[in-house]
Amino acid sequence: MPNTFPHASIDLQEVTERNDHARHIVAGFASAMPALTDIWRDISDALNDTGALSAEITQLSAELQDTRLNRANLLAAIRATLAAHADGEPDPMWYLRDALDAPESLPAALGRQA
C-alpha cells in the first residue's frame, strides 16, 4: 500500500517494511545474544508500536480528508448564497441550509452515532 493519502508525507508501506526488517535483525541478535533478552524485548515492544501508529495515521488522514471536503462544500454553499443574494433570489439562505443539513456536513463523531 503506497502512500494513499495525498497530503501525508509518510509512506506507511515503506515504514512497515523497515519495521519488519528491524524485527528480523532484533530476532537474530536475540538468538545470538540471549543474555540481553530484556533489552531485545524492549526494542521489540518499541517496534510493535508501529502498527498502532500506522492505524492512527490512517484514521487521522481519513478524518482530515473528510474535514477538507466538508469545508470545501460549505465554502461553495457560502459562495452560492452570496451569489443568490446578489441575484435577488427570494431565499438565498437555502444553499447554506441545504449544505448544513447534509449528513456529510456533520462532524464524523456525530455522523457515526446516527
PDB file of N, CA and C in Angstrom:
ATOM      1  N   MET A   1       0.846  -1.174   0.000  1.00  0.00           N
ATOM      2  CA  MET A   1       0.000   0.000   0.000  1.00  0.00           C
ATOM      3  C   MET A   1       0.888   1.232   0.000  1.00  0.00           C
ATOM      4  N   PRO A   2       1.151   1.812  -1.163  1.00  0.00           N
ATOM      5  CA  PRO A   2       1.932   3.050  -1.194  1.00  0.00           C
ATOM      6  C   PRO A   2       1.169   4.165  -0.507  1.00  0.00           C
ATOM      7  N   ASN A   3       1.802   5.296  -0.402  1.00  0.00           N
ATOM      8  CA  ASN A   3       1.200   6.432   0.289  1.00  0.00           C
ATOM      9  C   ASN A   3      -0.135   6.768  -0.369  1.00  0.00           C
ATOM     10  N   THR A   4      -1.232   6.357   0.266  1.00  0.00           N
ATOM     11  CA  THR A   4      -2.565   6.559  -0.317  1.00  0.00           C
ATOM     12  C   THR A   4      -3.197   7.871   0.122  1.00  0.00           C
ATOM     13  N   PHE A   5      -2.525   8.597   0.977  1.00  0.00           N
ATOM     14  CA  PHE A   5      -3.050   9.875   1.448  1.00  0.00           C
ATOM     15  C   PHE A   5      -2.248  10.990   0.804  1.00  0.00           C
ATOM     16  N   PRO A   6      -2.890  11.762  -0.062  1.00  0.00           N
ATOM     17  CA  PRO A   6      -2.150  12.750  -0.837  1.00  0.00           C
ATOM     18  C   PRO A   6      -1.466  13.830  -0.016  1.00  0.00           C
ATOM     19  N   HIS A   7      -1.943  14.080   1.194  1.00  0.00           N
ATOM     20  CA  HIS A   7      -1.360  15.162   1.984  1.00  0.00           C
ATOM     21  C   HIS A   7      -0.417  14.659   3.066  1.00  0.00           C
ATOM     22  N   ALA A   8      -0.227  13.348   3.138  1.00  0.00           N
ATOM     23  CA  ALA A   8       0.671  12.778   4.148  1.00  0.00           C
ATOM     24  C   ALA A   8       2.057  12.600   3.534  1.00  0.00           C
ATOM     25  N   SER A   9       3.058  12.945   4.304  1.00  0.00           N
ATOM     26  CA  SER A   9       4.424  12.805   3.801  1.00  0.00           C
ATOM     27  C   SER A   9       5.047  11.498   4.273  1.00  0.00           C
ATOM     28  N   ILE A  10       4.253  10.638   4.890  1.00  0.00           N
ATOM     29  CA  ILE A  10       4.745   9.370   5.413  1.00  0.00           C
ATOM     30  C   ILE A  10       4.269   8.241   4.511  1.00  0.00           C
ATOM     31  N   ASP A  11       5.191   7.440   4.041  1.00  0.00           N
ATOM     32  CA  ASP A  11       4.855   6.273   3.234  1.00  0.00           C
ATOM     33  C   ASP A  11       4.734   5.092   4.188  1.00  0.00           C
ATOM     34  N   LEU A  12       3.507   4.730   4.529  1.00  0.00           N
ATOM     35  CA  LEU A  12       3.276   3.693   5.529  1.00  0.00           C
ATOM     36  C   LEU A  12       3.796   2.331   5.087  1.00  0.00           C
ATOM     37  N   GLN A  13       3.779   2.056   3.801  1.00  0.00           N
ATOM     38  CA  GLN A  13       4.301   0.781   3.312  1.00  0.00           C
ATOM     39  C   GLN A  13       5.813   0.711   3.560  1.00  0.00           C
ATOM     40  N   GLU A  14       6.505   1.789   3.271  1.00  0.00           N
ATOM     41  CA  GLU A  14       7.947   1.828   3.500  1.00  0.00           C
ATOM     42  C   GLU A  14       8.268   1.707   4.992  1.00  0.00           C
ATOM     43  N   VAL A  15       7.506   2.380   5.820  1.00  0.00           N
ATOM     44  CA  VAL A  15       7.710   2.306   7.267  1.00  0.00           C
ATOM     45  C   VAL A  15       7.514   0.863   7.744  1.00  0.00           C
ATOM     46  N   THR A  16       6.466   0.214   7.259  1.00  0.00           N
ATOM     47  CA  THR A  16       6.185  -1.168   7.649  1.00  0.00           C
ATOM     48  C   THR A  16       7.303  -2.101   7.202  1.00  0.00           C
ATOM     49  N   GLU A  17       7.808  -1.901   5.998  1.00  0.00           N
ATOM     50  CA  GLU A  17       8.902  -2.744   5.500  1.00  0.00           C
ATOM     51  C   GLU A  17      10.164  -2.554   6.337  1.00  0.00           C
ATOM     52  N   ARG A  18      10.498  -1.314   6.673  1.00  0.00           N
ATOM     53  CA  ARG A  18      11.672  -1.072   7.522  1.00  0.00           C
ATOM     54  C   ARG A  18      11.472  -1.668   8.910  1.00  0.00           C
ATOM     55  N   ASN A  19      10.252  -1.580   9.419  1.00  0.00           N
ATOM     56  CA  ASN A  19       9.943  -2.151  10.724  1.00  0.00           C
ATOM     57  C   ASN A  19      10.117  -3.671  10.699  1.00  0.00           C
ATOM     58  N   ASP A  20       9.609  -4.317   9.654  1.00  0.00           N
ATOM     59  CA  ASP A  20       9.775  -5.773   9.529  1.00  0.00           C
ATOM     60  C   ASP A  20      11.249  -6.157   9.462  1.00  0.00           C
ATOM     61  N   HIS A  21      12.020  -5.389   8.719  1.00  0.00           N
ATOM     62  CA  HIS A  21      13.460  -5.643   8.606  1.00  0.00           C
ATOM     63  C   HIS A  21      14.127  -5.505   9.983  1.00  0.00           C
ATOM     64  N   ALA A  22      13.766  -4.478  10.709  1.00  0.00           N
ATOM     65  CA  ALA A  22      14.335  -4.270  12.041  1.00  0.00           C
ATOM     66  C   ALA A  22      13.944  -5.409  12.983  1.00  0.00           C
ATOM     67  N   ARG A  23      12.733  -5.908  12.865  1.00  0.00           N
ATOM     68  CA  ARG A  23      12.298  -7.036  13.693  1.00  0.00           C
ATOM     69  C   ARG A  23      13.153  -8.272  13.427  1.00  0.00           C
ATOM     70  N   HIS A  24      13.454  -8.518  12.145  1.00  0.00           N
ATOM     71  CA  HIS A  24      14.300  -9.675  11.798  1.00  0.00           C
ATOM     72  C   HIS A  24      15.702  -9.514  12.381  1.00  0.00           C
ATOM     73  N   ILE A  25      16.215  -8.302  12.333  1.00  0.00           N
ATOM     74  CA  ILE A  25      17.543  -8.045  12.899  1.00  0.00           C
ATOM     75  C   ILE A  25      17.526  -8.283  14.401  1.00  0.00           C
ATOM     76  N   VAL A  26      16.519  -7.754  15.077  1.00  0.00           N
ATOM     77  CA  VAL A  26      16.406  -7.938  16.527  1.00  0.00           C
ATOM     78  C   VAL A  26      16.273  -9.420  16.866  1.00  0.00           C
ATOM     79  N   ALA A  27      15.459 -10.147  16.090  1.00  0.00           N
ATOM     80  CA  ALA A  27      15.298 -11.584  16.340  1.00  0.00           C
ATOM     81  C   ALA A  27      16.636 -12.315  16.193  1.00  0.00           C
ATOM     82  N   GLY A  28      17.411 -11.931  15.192  1.00  0.00           N
ATOM     83  CA  GLY A  28      18.731 -12.547  15.004  1.00  0.00           C
ATOM     84  C   GLY A  28      19.664 -12.249  16.160  1.00  0.00           C
ATOM     85  N   PHE A  29      19.713 -11.002  16.575  1.00  0.00           N
ATOM     86  CA  PHE A  29      20.557 -10.628  17.713  1.00  0.00           C
ATOM     87  C   PHE A  29      20.075 -11.305  19.003  1.00  0.00           C
ATOM     88  N   ALA A  30      18.766 -11.390  19.171  1.00  0.00           N
ATOM     89  CA  ALA A  30      18.218 -12.004  20.383  1.00  0.00           C
ATOM     90  C   ALA A  30      18.615 -13.475  20.479  1.00  0.00           C
ATOM     91  N   SER A  31      18.604 -14.182  19.342  1.00  0.00           N
ATOM     92  CA  SER A  31      19.001 -15.589  19.386  1.00  0.00           C
ATOM     93  C   SER A  31      20.506 -15.738  19.547  1.00  0.00           C
ATOM     94  N   ALA A  32      21.270 -14.764  19.055  1.00  0.00           N
ATOM     95  CA  ALA A  32      22.735 -14.835  19.183  1.00  0.00           C
ATOM     96  C   ALA A  32      23.217 -14.383  20.555  1.00  0.00           C
ATOM     97  N   MET A  33      22.462 -13.496  21.196  1.00  0.00           N
ATOM     98  CA  MET A  33      22.862 -12.958  22.498  1.00  0.00           C
ATOM     99  C   MET A  33      21.698 -13.036  23.490  1.00  0.00           C
ATOM    100  N   PRO A  34      21.343 -14.237  23.927  1.00  0.00           N
ATOM    101  CA  PRO A  34      20.195 -14.384  24.820  1.00  0.00           C
ATOM    102  C   PRO A  34      20.370 -13.710  26.178  1.00  0.00           C
ATOM    103  N   ALA A  35      21.588 -13.381  26.549  1.00  0.00           N
ATOM    104  CA  ALA A  35      21.809 -12.711  27.830  1.00  0.00           C
ATOM    105  C   ALA A  35      21.178 -11.320  27.856  1.00  0.00           C
ATOM    106  N   LEU A  36      20.912 -10.772  26.686  1.00  0.00           N
ATOM    107  CA  LEU A  36      20.327  -9.425  26.590  1.00  0.00           C
ATOM    108  C   LEU A  36      18.825  -9.492  26.297  1.00  0.00           C
ATOM    109  N   THR A  37      18.169 -10.543  26.736  1.00  0.00           N
ATOM    110  CA  THR A  37      16.749 -10.767  26.434  1.00  0.00           C
ATOM    111  C   THR A  37      15.886  -9.565  26.781  1.00  0.00           C
ATOM    112  N   ASP A  38      16.104  -8.970  27.955  1.00  0.00           N
ATOM    113  CA  ASP A  38      15.276  -7.824  28.363  1.00  0.00           C
ATOM    114  C   ASP A  38      15.433  -6.651  27.404  1.00  0.00           C
ATOM    115  N   ILE A  39      16.641  -6.418  26.946  1.00  0.00           N
ATOM    116  CA  ILE A  39      16.881  -5.312  26.005  1.00  0.00           C
ATOM    117  C   ILE A  39      16.191  -5.596  24.679  1.00  0.00           C
ATOM    118  N   TRP A  40      16.315  -6.831  24.174  1.00  0.00           N
ATOM    119  CA  TRP A  40      15.688  -7.171  22.892  1.00  0.00           C
ATOM    120  C   TRP A  40      14.169  -7.076  23.009  1.00  0.00           C
ATOM    121  N   ARG A  41      13.618  -7.440  24.175  1.00  0.00           N
ATOM    122  CA  ARG A  41      12.175  -7.337  24.378  1.00  0.00           C
ATOM    123  C   ARG A  41      11.749  -5.866  24.350  1.00  0.00           C
ATOM    124  N   ASP A  42      12.530  -4.992  24.969  1.00  0.00           N
ATOM    125  CA  ASP A  42      12.206  -3.557  24.946  1.00  0.00           C
ATOM    126  C   ASP A  42      12.216  -3.013  23.522  1.00  0.00           C
ATOM    127  N   ILE A  43      13.207  -3.411  22.761  1.00  0.00           N
ATOM    128  CA  ILE A  43      13.291  -2.952  21.362  1.00  0.00           C
ATOM    129  C   ILE A  43      12.124  -3.512  20.556  1.00  0.00           C
ATOM    130  N   SER A  44      11.818  -4.774  20.775  1.00  0.00           N
ATOM    131  CA  SER A  44      10.692  -5.396  20.069  1.00  0.00           C
ATOM    132  C   SER A  44       9.379  -4.707  20.421  1.00  0.00           C
ATOM    133  N   ASP A  45       9.199  -4.384  21.703  1.00  0.00           N
ATOM    134  CA  ASP A  45       7.988  -3.667  22.115  1.00  0.00           C
ATOM    135  C   ASP A  45       7.886  -2.310  21.429  1.00  0.00           C
ATOM    136  N   ALA A  46       9.004  -1.620  21.306  1.00  0.00           N
ATOM    137  CA  ALA A  46       9.004  -0.325  20.616  1.00  0.00           C
ATOM    138  C   ALA A  46       8.637  -0.492  19.144  1.00  0.00           C
ATOM    139  N   LEU A  47       9.138  -1.545  18.522  1.00  0.00           N
ATOM    140  CA  LEU A  47       8.808  -1.795  17.119  1.00  0.00           C
ATOM    141  C   LEU A  47       7.341  -2.172  16.952  1.00  0.00           C
ATOM    142  N   ASN A  48       6.757  -2.801  17.967  1.00  0.00           N
ATOM    143  CA  ASN A  48       5.340  -3.164  17.907  1.00  0.00           C
ATOM    144  C   ASN A  48       4.438  -1.929  17.865  1.00  0.00           C
ATOM    145  N   ASP A  49       4.925  -0.805  18.354  1.00  0.00           N
ATOM    146  CA  ASP A  49       4.138   0.429  18.337  1.00  0.00           C
ATOM    147  C   ASP A  49       3.860   0.920  16.923  1.00  0.00           C
ATOM    148  N   THR A  50       4.642   0.498  15.963  1.00  0.00           N
ATOM    149  CA  THR A  50       4.491   0.971  14.588  1.00  0.00           C
ATOM    150  C   THR A  50       3.112   0.651  14.025  1.00  0.00           C
ATOM    151  N   GLY A  51       2.587  -0.523  14.311  1.00  0.00           N
ATOM    152  CA  GLY A  51       1.263  -0.893  13.806  1.00  0.00           C
ATOM    153  C   GLY A  51       0.178   0.033  14.317  1.00  0.00           C
ATOM    154  N   ALA A  52       0.227   0.313  15.617  1.00  0.00           N
ATOM    155  CA  ALA A  52      -0.773   1.216  16.201  1.00  0.00           C
ATOM    156  C   ALA A  52      -0.628   2.621  15.640  1.00  0.00           C
ATOM    157  N   LEU A  53       0.594   3.060  15.466  1.00  0.00           N
ATOM    158  CA  LEU A  53       0.813   4.402  14.911  1.00  0.00           C
ATOM    159  C   LEU A  53       0.338   4.480  13.461  1.00  0.00           C
ATOM    160  N   SER A  54       0.565   3.436  12.687  1.00  0.00           N
ATOM    161  CA  SER A  54       0.093   3.413  11.300  1.00  0.00           C
ATOM    162  C   SER A  54      -1.433   3.483  11.244  1.00  0.00           C
ATOM    163  N   ALA A  55      -2.086   2.741  12.126  1.00  0.00           N
ATOM    164  CA  ALA A  55      -3.551   2.767  12.164  1.00  0.00           C
ATOM    165  C   ALA A  55      -4.053   4.159  12.539  1.00  0.00           C
ATOM    166  N   GLU A  56      -3.383   4.790  13.481  1.00  0.00           N
ATOM    167  CA  GLU A  56      -3.772   6.140  13.908  1.00  0.00           C
ATOM    168  C   GLU A  56      -3.576   7.145  12.765  1.00  0.00           C
ATOM    169  N   ILE A  57      -2.472   7.032  12.059  1.00  0.00           N
ATOM    170  CA  ILE A  57      -2.220   7.923  10.920  1.00  0.00           C
ATOM    171  C   ILE A  57      -3.286   7.723   9.849  1.00  0.00           C
ATOM    172  N   THR A  58      -3.644   6.474   9.587  1.00  0.00           N
ATOM    173  CA  THR A  58      -4.667   6.177   8.588  1.00  0.00           C
ATOM    174  C   THR A  58      -5.999   6.805   8.982  1.00  0.00           C
ATOM    175  N   GLN A  59      -6.384   6.645  10.250  1.00  0.00           N
ATOM    176  CA  GLN A  59      -7.646   7.211  10.723  1.00  0.00           C
ATOM    177  C   GLN A  59      -7.630   8.735  10.665  1.00  0.00           C
ATOM    178  N   LEU A  60      -6.559   9.342  11.155  1.00  0.00           N
ATOM    179  CA  LEU A  60      -6.485  10.802  11.160  1.00  0.00           C
ATOM    180  C   LEU A  60      -6.441  11.369   9.744  1.00  0.00           C
ATOM    181  N   SER A  61      -5.772  10.679   8.843  1.00  0.00           N
ATOM    182  CA  SER A  61      -5.727  11.135   7.449  1.00  0.00           C
ATOM    183  C   SER A  61      -7.111  11.093   6.818  1.00  0.00           C
ATOM    184  N   ALA A  62      -7.864  10.038   7.107  1.00  0.00           N
ATOM    185  CA  ALA A  62      -9.228   9.941   6.573  1.00  0.00           C
ATOM    186  C   ALA A  62     -10.105  11.047   7.150  1.00  0.00           C
ATOM    187  N   GLU A  63      -9.969  11.304   8.445  1.00  0.00           N
ATOM    188  CA  GLU A  63     -10.748  12.383   9.065  1.00  0.00           C
ATOM    189  C   GLU A  63     -10.374  13.742   8.483  1.00  0.00           C
ATOM    190  N   LEU A  64      -9.094  13.951   8.244  1.00  0.00           N
ATOM    191  CA  LEU A  64      -8.649  15.210   7.657  1.00  0.00           C
ATOM    192  C   LEU A  64      -9.212  15.375   6.247  1.00  0.00           C
ATOM    193  N   GLN A  65      -9.201  14.296   5.476  1.00  0.00           N
ATOM    194  CA  GLN A  65      -9.742  14.350   4.118  1.00  0.00           C
ATOM    195  C   GLN A  65     -11.240  14.688   4.170  1.00  0.00           C
ATOM    196  N   ASP A  66     -11.984  14.071   5.088  1.00  0.00           N
ATOM    197  CA  ASP A  66     -13.411  14.374   5.236  1.00  0.00           C
ATOM    198  C   ASP A  66     -13.629  15.830   5.635  1.00  0.00           C
ATOM    199  N   THR A  67     -12.804  16.316   6.550  1.00  0.00           N
ATOM    200  CA  THR A  67     -12.929  17.698   7.017  1.00  0.00           C
ATOM    201  C   THR A  67     -12.658  18.682   5.883  1.00  0.00           C
ATOM    202  N   ARG A  68     -11.642  18.389   5.087  1.00  0.00           N
ATOM    203  CA  ARG A  68     -11.332  19.276   3.956  1.00  0.00           C
ATOM    204  C   ARG A  68     -12.460  19.300   2.935  1.00  0.00           C
ATOM    205  N   LEU A  69     -13.053  18.134   2.671  1.00  0.00           N
ATOM    206  CA  LEU A  69     -14.174  18.078   1.729  1.00  0.00           C
ATOM    207  C   LEU A  69     -15.372  18.845   2.289  1.00  0.00           C
ATOM    208  N   ASN A  70     -15.646  18.655   3.568  1.00  0.00           N
ATOM    209  CA  ASN A  70     -16.748  19.367   4.208  1.00  0.00           C
ATOM    210  C   ASN A  70     -16.534  20.878   4.131  1.00  0.00           C
ATOM    211  N   ARG A  71     -15.315  21.310   4.407  1.00  0.00           N
ATOM    212  CA  ARG A  71     -15.000  22.743   4.341  1.00  0.00           C
ATOM    213  C   ARG A  71     -15.208  23.283   2.925  1.00  0.00           C
ATOM    214  N   ALA A  72     -14.763  22.522   1.938  1.00  0.00           N
ATOM    215  CA  ALA A  72     -14.933  22.955   0.548  1.00  0.00           C
ATOM    216  C   ALA A  72     -16.414  23.045   0.182  1.00  0.00           C
ATOM    217  N   ASN A  73     -17.200  22.070   0.632  1.00  0.00           N
ATOM    218  CA  ASN A  73     -18.640  22.102   0.346  1.00  0.00           C
ATOM    219  C   ASN A  73     -19.324  23.286   1.017  1.00  0.00           C
ATOM    220  N   LEU A  74     -18.945  23.557   2.264  1.00  0.00           N
ATOM    221  CA  LEU A  74     -19.541  24.705   2.959  1.00  0.00           C
ATOM    222  C   LEU A  74     -19.116  26.024   2.306  1.00  0.00           C
ATOM    223  N   LEU A  75     -17.874  26.110   1.867  1.00  0.00           N
ATOM    224  CA  LEU A  75     -17.416  27.316   1.184  1.00  0.00           C
ATOM    225  C   LEU A  75     -18.181  27.520  -0.131  1.00  0.00           C
ATOM    226  N   ALA A  76     -18.425  26.422  -0.848  1.00  0.00           N
ATOM    227  CA  ALA A  76     -19.216  26.524  -2.083  1.00  0.00           C
ATOM    228  C   ALA A  76     -20.636  26.992  -1.772  1.00  0.00           C
ATOM    229  N   ALA A  77     -21.211  26.509  -0.677  1.00  0.00           N
ATOM    230  CA  ALA A  77     -22.564  26.930  -0.288  1.00  0.00           C
ATOM    231  C   ALA A  77     -22.588  28.407   0.090  1.00  0.00           C
ATOM    232  N   ILE A  78     -21.551  28.858   0.765  1.00  0.00           N
ATOM    233  CA  ILE A  78     -21.464  30.280   1.124  1.00  0.00           C
ATOM    234  C   ILE A  78     -21.411  31.137  -0.141  1.00  0.00           C
ATOM    235  N   ARG A  79     -20.578  30.713  -1.080  1.00  0.00           N
ATOM    236  CA  ARG A  79     -20.466  31.477  -2.335  1.00  0.00           C
ATOM    237  C   ARG A  79     -21.787  31.465  -3.105  1.00  0.00           C
ATOM    238  N   ALA A  80     -22.465  30.305  -3.122  1.00  0.00           N
ATOM    239  CA  ALA A  80     -23.756  30.229  -3.811  1.00  0.00           C
ATOM    240  C   ALA A  80     -24.789  31.120  -3.126  1.00  0.00           C
ATOM    241  N   THR A  81     -24.741  31.173  -1.810  1.00  0.00           N
ATOM    242  CA  THR A  81     -25.666  32.032  -1.057  1.00  0.00           C
ATOM    243  C   THR A  81     -25.425  33.497  -1.386  1.00  0.00           C
ATOM    244  N   LEU A  82     -24.160  33.898  -1.398  1.00  0.00           N
ATOM    245  CA  LEU A  82     -23.837  35.300  -1.719  1.00  0.00           C
ATOM    246  C   LEU A  82     -24.246  35.650  -3.151  1.00  0.00           C
ATOM    247  N   ALA A  83     -24.017  34.724  -4.069  1.00  0.00           N
ATOM    248  CA  ALA A  83     -24.401  34.976  -5.463  1.00  0.00           C
ATOM    249  C   ALA A  83     -25.923  35.049  -5.593  1.00  0.00           C
ATOM    250  N   ALA A  84     -26.626  34.155  -4.889  1.00  0.00           N
ATOM    251  CA  ALA A  84     -28.090  34.165  -4.940  1.00  0.00           C
ATOM    252  C   ALA A  84     -28.641  35.465  -4.356  1.00  0.00           C
ATOM    253  N   HIS A  85     -28.011  35.924  -3.283  1.00  0.00           N
ATOM    254  CA  HIS A  85     -28.434  37.197  -2.687  1.00  0.00           C
ATOM    255  C   HIS A  85     -28.210  38.347  -3.672  1.00  0.00           C
ATOM    256  N   ALA A  86     -27.039  38.331  -4.321  1.00  0.00           N
ATOM    257  CA  ALA A  86     -26.729  39.388  -5.293  1.00  0.00           C
ATOM    258  C   ALA A  86     -27.686  39.346  -6.488  1.00  0.00           C
ATOM    259  N   ASP A  87     -28.155  38.138  -6.838  1.00  0.00           N
ATOM    260  CA  ASP A  87     -29.097  37.990  -7.957  1.00  0.00           C
ATOM    261  C   ASP A  87     -30.536  38.268  -7.546  1.00  0.00           C
ATOM    262  N   GLY A  88     -30.747  38.522  -6.254  1.00  0.00           N
ATOM    263  CA  GLY A  88     -32.091  38.850  -5.786  1.00  0.00           C
ATOM    264  C   GLY A  88     -33.004  37.637  -5.612  1.00  0.00           C
ATOM    265  N   GLU A  89     -32.443  36.450  -5.472  1.00  0.00           N
ATOM    266  CA  GLU A  89     -33.281  35.269  -5.260  1.00  0.00           C
ATOM    267  C   GLU A  89     -34.082  35.439  -3.964  1.00  0.00           C
ATOM    268  N   PRO A  90     -35.287  34.884  -3.926  1.00  0.00           N
ATOM    269  CA  PRO A  90     -36.140  35.073  -2.744  1.00  0.00           C
ATOM    270  C   PRO A  90     -35.609  34.377  -1.477  1.00  0.00           C
ATOM    271  N   ASP A  91     -34.890  33.288  -1.615  1.00  0.00           N
ATOM    272  CA  ASP A  91     -34.395  32.564  -0.435  1.00  0.00           C
ATOM    273  C   ASP A  91     -32.925  32.156  -0.638  1.00  0.00           C
ATOM    274  N   PRO A  92     -32.017  33.134  -0.619  1.00  0.00           N
ATOM    275  CA  PRO A  92     -30.617  32.794  -0.878  1.00  0.00           C
ATOM    276  C   PRO A  92     -29.993  31.912   0.217  1.00  0.00           C
ATOM    277  N   MET A  93     -30.556  31.957   1.416  1.00  0.00           N
ATOM    278  CA  MET A  93     -30.006  31.151   2.506  1.00  0.00           C
ATOM    279  C   MET A  93     -30.272  29.657   2.321  1.00  0.00           C
ATOM    280  N   TRP A  94     -31.109  29.311   1.364  1.00  0.00           N
ATOM    281  CA  TRP A  94     -31.403  27.901   1.097  1.00  0.00           C
ATOM    282  C   TRP A  94     -30.117  27.112   0.862  1.00  0.00           C
ATOM    283  N   TYR A  95     -29.176  27.696   0.158  1.00  0.00           N
ATOM    284  CA  TYR A  95     -27.926  26.998  -0.158  1.00  0.00           C
ATOM    285  C   TYR A  95     -27.173  26.608   1.115  1.00  0.00           C
ATOM    286  N   LEU A  96     -27.136  27.526   2.067  1.00  0.00           N
ATOM    287  CA  LEU A  96     -26.464  27.222   3.336  1.00  0.00           C
ATOM    288  C   LEU A  96     -27.244  26.188   4.141  1.00  0.00           C
ATOM    289  N   ARG A  97     -28.554  26.353   4.214  1.00  0.00           N
ATOM    290  CA  ARG A  97     -29.359  25.386   4.964  1.00  0.00           C
ATOM    291  C   ARG A  97     -29.204  23.989   4.368  1.00  0.00           C
ATOM    292  N   ASP A  98     -29.223  23.916   3.066  1.00  0.00           N
ATOM    293  CA  ASP A  98     -29.094  22.623   2.396  1.00  0.00           C
ATOM    294  C   ASP A  98     -27.734  21.988   2.711  1.00  0.00           C
ATOM    295  N   ALA A  99     -26.679  22.781   2.646  1.00  0.00           N
ATOM    296  CA  ALA A  99     -25.338  22.251   2.928  1.00  0.00           C
ATOM    297  C   ALA A  99     -25.199  21.841   4.385  1.00  0.00           C
ATOM    298  N   LEU A 100     -25.758  22.628   5.277  1.00  0.00           N
ATOM    299  CA  LEU A 100     -25.655  22.313   6.698  1.00  0.00           C
ATOM    300  C   LEU A 100     -26.524  21.120   7.092  1.00  0.00           C
ATOM    301  N   ASP A 101     -27.590  20.872   6.370  1.00  0.00           N
ATOM    302  CA  ASP A 101     -28.458  19.733   6.669  1.00  0.00           C
ATOM    303  C   ASP A 101     -27.944  18.425   6.073  1.00  0.00           C
ATOM    304  N   ALA A 102     -26.977  18.503   5.182  1.00  0.00           N
ATOM    305  CA  ALA A 102     -26.433  17.293   4.557  1.00  0.00           C
ATOM    306  C   ALA A 102     -25.707  16.453   5.610  1.00  0.00           C
ATOM    307  N   PRO A 103     -25.896  15.135   5.605  1.00  0.00           N
ATOM    308  CA  PRO A 103     -25.246  14.273   6.608  1.00  0.00           C
ATOM    309  C   PRO A 103     -23.722  14.396   6.613  1.00  0.00           C
ATOM    310  N   GLU A 104     -23.121  14.625   5.460  1.00  0.00           N
ATOM    311  CA  GLU A 104     -21.659  14.718   5.409  1.00  0.00           C
ATOM    312  C   GLU A 104     -21.123  16.015   6.016  1.00  0.00           C
ATOM    313  N   SER A 105     -22.021  16.967   6.304  1.00  0.00           N
ATOM    314  CA  SER A 105     -21.551  18.202   6.935  1.00  0.00           C
ATOM    315  C   SER A 105     -21.448  18.049   8.454  1.00  0.00           C
ATOM    316  N   LEU A 106     -21.981  16.946   8.979  1.00  0.00           N
ATOM    317  CA  LEU A 106     -21.872  16.691  10.419  1.00  0.00           C
ATOM    318  C   LEU A 106     -20.463  16.248  10.756  1.00  0.00           C
ATOM    319  N   PRO A 107     -19.979  16.563  11.941  1.00  0.00           N
ATOM    320  CA  PRO A 107     -18.694  16.034  12.359  1.00  0.00           C
ATOM    321  C   PRO A 107     -18.745  14.506  12.329  1.00  0.00           C
ATOM    322  N   ALA A 108     -17.604  13.871  12.052  1.00  0.00           N
ATOM    323  CA  ALA A 108     -17.546  12.421  11.904  1.00  0.00           C
ATOM    324  C   ALA A 108     -18.113  11.700  13.118  1.00  0.00           C
ATOM    325  N   ALA A 109     -17.826  12.185  14.311  1.00  0.00           N
ATOM    326  CA  ALA A 109     -18.315  11.522  15.525  1.00  0.00           C
ATOM    327  C   ALA A 109     -19.838  11.531  15.585  1.00  0.00           C
ATOM    328  N   LEU A 110     -20.454  12.638  15.184  1.00  0.00           N
ATOM    329  CA  LEU A 110     -21.914  12.711  15.200  1.00  0.00           C
ATOM    330  C   LEU A 110     -22.515  11.873  14.089  1.00  0.00           C
ATOM    331  N   GLY A 111     -21.864  11.860  12.948  1.00  0.00           N
ATOM    332  CA  GLY A 111     -22.357  11.095  11.814  1.00  0.00           C
ATOM    333  C   GLY A 111     -22.380   9.597  12.103  1.00  0.00           C
ATOM    334  N   ARG A 112     -21.428   9.096  12.897  1.00  0.00           N
ATOM    335  CA  ARG A 112     -21.368   7.675  13.227  1.00  0.00           C
ATOM    336  C   ARG A 112     -22.439   7.300  14.239  1.00  0.00           C
ATOM    337  N   GLN A 113     -22.892   8.246  15.042  1.00  0.00           N
ATOM    338  CA  GLN A 113     -23.891   7.933  16.058  1.00  0.00           C
ATOM    339  C   GLN A 113     -25.282   7.770  15.460  1.00  0.00           C
ATOM    340  N   ALA A 114     -25.521   8.432  14.363  1.00  0.00           N
ATOM    341  CA  ALA A 114     -26.862   8.445  13.777  1.00  0.00           C
ATOM    342  C   ALA A 114     -27.259   7.099  13.215  1.00  0.00           C
TER     343      ALA A 114
END
